[in-house]
């Protein structure tokens, strides 16, 4: 007679694992990969017209991030990373404003990395 193995997960143990610093490292690596792509496709202004050419391109930063994710009604901290652009005009470059076209650098960079990994 064959017996089926039973697995009962310990959610507390998995939750601790998901909030540890060593799990944050792959998140930071993924954000750094997207950052490299975003920098490569970022628009750079014409120096004769733009007071700060290349400011948007040089303003990408990756920061470690912990987020409260609700599980069974309780918030639980989970490790992650964020890719930010600290330029004051980052929202205009990303979404456009009528005079400036929509470049969607972060969205396109994420899509390029996803396609490269086959997701």
C-alpha atoms as a PDB file:
ATOM      1  CA  UNK A   1       0.000   0.000   0.000  1.00  0.00           C
ATOM      2  CA  UNK A   2       1.388   3.389  -1.004  1.00  0.00           C
ATOM      3  CA  UNK A   3       1.199   6.207   1.453  1.00  0.00           C
ATOM      4  CA  UNK A   4       0.776   9.807   0.445  1.00  0.00           C
ATOM      5  CA  UNK A   5       3.010  12.217   2.210  1.00  0.00           C
ATOM      6  CA  UNK A   6       1.355  15.143   3.864  1.00  0.00           C
ATOM      7  CA  UNK A   7       2.863  18.556   4.072  1.00  0.00           C
ATOM      8  CA  UNK A   8       1.545  21.129   6.466  1.00  0.00           C
ATOM      9  CA  UNK A   9       3.267  24.449   5.979  1.00  0.00           C
ATOM     10  CA  UNK A  10       4.219  26.638   8.885  1.00  0.00           C
ATOM     11  CA  UNK A  11       3.097  30.072   7.816  1.00  0.00           C
ATOM     12  CA  UNK A  12       4.995  31.745  10.638  1.00  0.00           C
ATOM     13  CA  UNK A  13       8.250  30.235   9.387  1.00  0.00           C
ATOM     14  CA  UNK A  14       7.556  31.225   5.794  1.00  0.00           C
ATOM     15  CA  UNK A  15       6.631  34.724   6.945  1.00  0.00           C
ATOM     16  CA  UNK A  16       9.921  35.073   8.800  1.00  0.00           C
ATOM     17  CA  UNK A  17      11.775  33.899   5.711  1.00  0.00           C
ATOM     18  CA  UNK A  18       9.980  36.447   3.498  1.00  0.00           C
ATOM     19  CA  UNK A  19      11.054  39.311   5.758  1.00  0.00           C
ATOM     20  CA  UNK A  20      14.739  38.406   6.153  1.00  0.00           C
ATOM     21  CA  UNK A  21      17.552  40.532   4.714  1.00  0.00           C
ATOM     22  CA  UNK A  22      19.004  37.640   2.678  1.00  0.00           C
ATOM     23  CA  UNK A  23      15.755  37.450   0.723  1.00  0.00           C
ATOM     24  CA  UNK A  24      15.952  41.169   0.047  1.00  0.00           C
ATOM     25  CA  UNK A  25      19.175  40.653  -1.935  1.00  0.00           C
ATOM     26  CA  UNK A  26      17.443  39.057  -4.973  1.00  0.00           C
ATOM     27  CA  UNK A  27      14.860  41.847  -4.909  1.00  0.00           C
ATOM     28  CA  UNK A  28      17.635  44.437  -4.966  1.00  0.00           C
ATOM     29  CA  UNK A  29      19.380  42.570  -7.793  1.00  0.00           C
ATOM     30  CA  UNK A  30      16.194  42.550  -9.866  1.00  0.00           C
ATOM     31  CA  UNK A  31      15.686  46.277  -9.252  1.00  0.00           C
ATOM     32  CA  UNK A  32      19.302  46.965 -10.278  1.00  0.00           C
ATOM     33  CA  UNK A  33      18.713  45.044 -13.513  1.00  0.00           C
ATOM     34  CA  UNK A  34      15.632  47.130 -14.287  1.00  0.00           C
ATOM     35  CA  UNK A  35      17.600  50.277 -13.361  1.00  0.00           C
ATOM     36  CA  UNK A  36      20.265  49.486 -15.957  1.00  0.00           C
ATOM     37  CA  UNK A  37      17.613  49.080 -18.659  1.00  0.00           C
ATOM     38  CA  UNK A  38      15.800  52.243 -17.560  1.00  0.00           C
ATOM     39  CA  UNK A  39      19.024  54.249 -17.755  1.00  0.00           C
ATOM     40  CA  UNK A  40      19.734  52.906 -21.220  1.00  0.00           C
ATOM     41  CA  UNK A  41      16.325  53.951 -22.616  1.00  0.00           C
ATOM     42  CA  UNK A  42      15.991  57.255 -20.727  1.00  0.00           C
ATOM     43  CA  UNK A  43      15.622  60.404 -22.811  1.00  0.00           C
ATOM     44  CA  UNK A  44      18.407  62.963 -22.577  1.00  0.00           C
ATOM     45  CA  UNK A  45      17.669  66.591 -23.357  1.00  0.00           C
ATOM     46  CA  UNK A  46      19.495  68.683 -25.924  1.00  0.00           C
ATOM     47  CA  UNK A  47      22.178  70.693 -24.039  1.00  0.00           C
ATOM     48  CA  UNK A  48      21.388  73.807 -26.090  1.00  0.00           C
ATOM     49  CA  UNK A  49      17.737  73.766 -24.930  1.00  0.00           C
ATOM     50  CA  UNK A  50      17.790  71.818 -21.656  1.00  0.00           C
ATOM     51  CA  UNK A  51      19.351  73.360 -18.532  1.00  0.00           C
ATOM     52  CA  UNK A  52      19.936  69.891 -17.017  1.00  0.00           C
ATOM     53  CA  UNK A  53      20.544  67.352 -19.810  1.00  0.00           C
ATOM     54  CA  UNK A  54      20.843  63.828 -18.481  1.00  0.00           C
ATOM     55  CA  UNK A  55      19.453  64.681 -15.038  1.00  0.00           C
ATOM     56  CA  UNK A  56      16.557  62.229 -15.377  1.00  0.00           C
ATOM     57  CA  UNK A  57      18.875  59.469 -16.586  1.00  0.00           C
ATOM     58  CA  UNK A  58      21.287  59.932 -13.666  1.00  0.00           C
ATOM     59  CA  UNK A  59      18.558  60.160 -10.994  1.00  0.00           C
ATOM     60  CA  UNK A  60      17.576  56.475 -10.733  1.00  0.00           C
ATOM     61  CA  UNK A  61      18.146  54.891  -7.323  1.00  0.00           C
ATOM     62  CA  UNK A  62      17.372  51.463  -5.876  1.00  0.00           C
ATOM     63  CA  UNK A  63      16.335  51.383  -2.234  1.00  0.00           C
ATOM     64  CA  UNK A  64      15.519  48.438   0.020  1.00  0.00           C
ATOM     65  CA  UNK A  65      11.879  48.385   0.977  1.00  0.00           C
ATOM     66  CA  UNK A  66       9.683  46.554   3.426  1.00  0.00           C
ATOM     67  CA  UNK A  67       5.965  46.474   2.850  1.00  0.00           C
ATOM     68  CA  UNK A  68       3.033  45.499   5.008  1.00  0.00           C
ATOM     69  CA  UNK A  69       1.209  42.710   3.194  1.00  0.00           C
ATOM     70  CA  UNK A  70      -1.975  41.515   4.874  1.00  0.00           C
ATOM     71  CA  UNK A  71      -2.134  37.797   5.567  1.00  0.00           C
ATOM     72  CA  UNK A  72      -5.131  36.337   7.352  1.00  0.00           C
ATOM     73  CA  UNK A  73      -6.232  39.823   8.324  1.00  0.00           C
ATOM     74  CA  UNK A  74      -2.947  40.891   9.911  1.00  0.00           C
ATOM     75  CA  UNK A  75      -0.279  43.061   8.295  1.00  0.00           C
ATOM     76  CA  UNK A  76       3.028  41.267   7.794  1.00  0.00           C
ATOM     77  CA  UNK A  77       6.307  42.878   6.791  1.00  0.00           C
ATOM     78  CA  UNK A  78       7.788  41.558   3.542  1.00  0.00           C
ATOM     79  CA  UNK A  79      11.189  42.374   2.073  1.00  0.00           C
ATOM     80  CA  UNK A  80      11.485  43.994  -1.340  1.00  0.00           C
ATOM     81  CA  UNK A  81      13.145  46.776  -3.295  1.00  0.00           C
ATOM     82  CA  UNK A  82      12.037  49.918  -5.092  1.00  0.00           C
ATOM     83  CA  UNK A  83      13.402  51.623  -8.158  1.00  0.00           C
ATOM     84  CA  UNK A  84      12.861  55.365  -7.908  1.00  0.00           C
ATOM     85  CA  UNK A  85      13.725  58.395  -9.960  1.00  0.00           C
ATOM     86  CA  UNK A  86      14.496  61.374  -7.762  1.00  0.00           C
ATOM     87  CA  UNK A  87      14.400  64.027 -10.497  1.00  0.00           C
ATOM     88  CA  UNK A  88      11.709  66.651  -9.900  1.00  0.00           C
ATOM     89  CA  UNK A  89      10.353  66.170 -13.409  1.00  0.00           C
ATOM     90  CA  UNK A  90      10.269  62.341 -13.278  1.00  0.00           C
ATOM     91  CA  UNK A  91       6.458  62.167 -13.329  1.00  0.00           C
ATOM     92  CA  UNK A  92       6.339  64.396 -16.409  1.00  0.00           C
ATOM     93  CA  UNK A  93       8.848  62.195 -18.249  1.00  0.00           C
ATOM     94  CA  UNK A  94       7.010  59.028 -17.232  1.00  0.00           C
ATOM     95  CA  UNK A  95       3.418  60.172 -17.875  1.00  0.00           C
ATOM     96  CA  UNK A  96       3.730  63.268 -20.103  1.00  0.00           C
ATOM     97  CA  UNK A  97       1.925  66.572 -19.644  1.00  0.00           C
ATOM     98  CA  UNK A  98       0.786  67.749 -23.083  1.00  0.00           C
ATOM     99  CA  UNK A  99       3.992  69.584 -24.013  1.00  0.00           C
ATOM    100  CA  UNK A 100       6.244  66.680 -23.039  1.00  0.00           C
ATOM    101  CA  UNK A 101       5.433  63.302 -24.593  1.00  0.00           C
ATOM    102  CA  UNK A 102       4.838  60.215 -22.435  1.00  0.00           C
ATOM    103  CA  UNK A 103       8.079  58.213 -22.354  1.00  0.00           C
ATOM    104  CA  UNK A 104       6.982  55.551 -19.791  1.00  0.00           C
ATOM    105  CA  UNK A 105      10.602  54.658 -19.039  1.00  0.00           C
ATOM    106  CA  UNK A 106       9.969  52.591 -15.895  1.00  0.00           C
ATOM    107  CA  UNK A 107       7.069  50.676 -17.427  1.00  0.00           C
ATOM    108  CA  UNK A 108       9.015  49.884 -20.583  1.00  0.00           C
ATOM    109  CA  UNK A 109      12.128  48.884 -18.602  1.00  0.00           C
ATOM    110  CA  UNK A 110      10.084  46.427 -16.520  1.00  0.00           C
ATOM    111  CA  UNK A 111       8.521  44.967 -19.667  1.00  0.00           C
ATOM    112  CA  UNK A 112      11.932  44.584 -21.339  1.00  0.00           C
ATOM    113  CA  UNK A 113      13.368  42.718 -18.318  1.00  0.00           C
ATOM    114  CA  UNK A 114      10.253  40.512 -18.075  1.00  0.00           C
ATOM    115  CA  UNK A 115      10.532  39.636 -21.757  1.00  0.00           C
ATOM    116  CA  UNK A 116      14.246  38.841 -21.373  1.00  0.00           C
ATOM    117  CA  UNK A 117      13.451  36.390 -18.572  1.00  0.00           C
ATOM    118  CA  UNK A 118      10.529  34.833 -20.391  1.00  0.00           C
ATOM    119  CA  UNK A 119       7.774  35.823 -17.961  1.00  0.00           C
END
